Amino acid sequence: MWGCEELRELRKLGELRELRELRNKRELIAIGYKAQEIPPKISPHPGLPIRETRHG
């Protein structure tokens, strides 16, 4: 049987795990958003020159 203190500790650990999972998801979303802003450095058509673009 779990005591009140152990249950509180388990609940706190569960909340911390949920927060960590949310932070990881937020980081993945931010990385994906940034990846959309950056033009690809490889040419989709081999043999054609790569165009340099600037986003300001």
Protein backbone atom coordinates (compact mmCIF):
# COMPACT_ATOMS: atom_id res chain seq x y z
CA MET A 1 0.00 0.00 0.00
CA TRP A 2 1.27 3.44 -0.90
CA GLY A 3 1.52 6.19 1.68
CA CYS A 4 0.38 9.76 1.10
CA GLU A 5 3.96 10.99 0.73
CA GLU A 6 4.80 8.36 -1.89
CA LEU A 7 1.64 9.15 -3.85
CA ARG A 8 2.49 12.86 -3.81
CA GLU A 9 5.99 12.09 -5.07
CA LEU A 10 4.66 9.84 -7.85
CA ARG A 11 2.16 12.50 -8.88
CA LYS A 12 4.92 15.12 -8.98
CA LEU A 13 7.11 12.82 -11.10
CA GLY A 14 4.21 12.23 -13.49
CA GLU A 15 3.65 15.97 -13.85
CA LEU A 16 7.36 16.51 -14.51
CA ARG A 17 7.31 13.77 -17.16
CA GLU A 18 4.29 15.40 -18.84
CA LEU A 19 6.04 18.78 -18.82
CA ARG A 20 9.17 17.23 -20.34
CA GLU A 21 7.09 15.57 -23.07
CA LEU A 22 5.36 18.87 -23.85
CA ARG A 23 8.73 20.65 -24.02
CA ASN A 24 10.04 18.01 -26.43
CA LYS A 25 6.97 18.39 -28.64
CA ARG A 26 7.34 22.17 -28.61
CA GLU A 27 11.00 21.86 -29.64
CA LEU A 28 10.08 19.53 -32.51
CA ILE A 29 7.41 21.97 -33.69
CA ALA A 30 9.90 24.86 -33.54
CA ILE A 31 12.51 22.85 -35.45
CA GLY A 32 9.94 21.94 -38.10
CA TYR A 33 8.85 25.56 -38.42
CA LYS A 34 12.46 26.72 -38.82
CA ALA A 35 13.11 23.97 -41.37
CA GLN A 36 10.29 25.36 -43.51
CA GLU A 37 11.91 28.82 -43.49
CA ILE A 38 15.33 27.58 -44.64
CA PRO A 39 15.63 26.87 -48.36
CA PRO A 40 17.16 23.49 -49.22
CA LYS A 41 20.90 23.49 -49.92
CA ILE A 42 20.71 20.54 -52.30
CA SER A 43 19.30 20.81 -55.77
CA PRO A 44 16.19 18.73 -56.45
CA HIS A 45 17.50 18.44 -60.03
CA PRO A 46 21.06 17.05 -60.20
CA GLY A 47 23.32 18.96 -62.55
CA LEU A 48 21.54 22.30 -62.13
CA PRO A 49 23.24 25.06 -60.12
CA ILE A 50 21.93 25.80 -56.64
CA ARG A 51 20.33 29.22 -56.31
CA GLU A 52 21.26 31.20 -53.24
CA THR A 53 18.32 33.07 -51.73
CA ARG A 54 18.19 35.51 -48.87
CA HIS A 55 15.36 35.81 -46.40
CA GLY A 56 15.34 39.03 -44.49
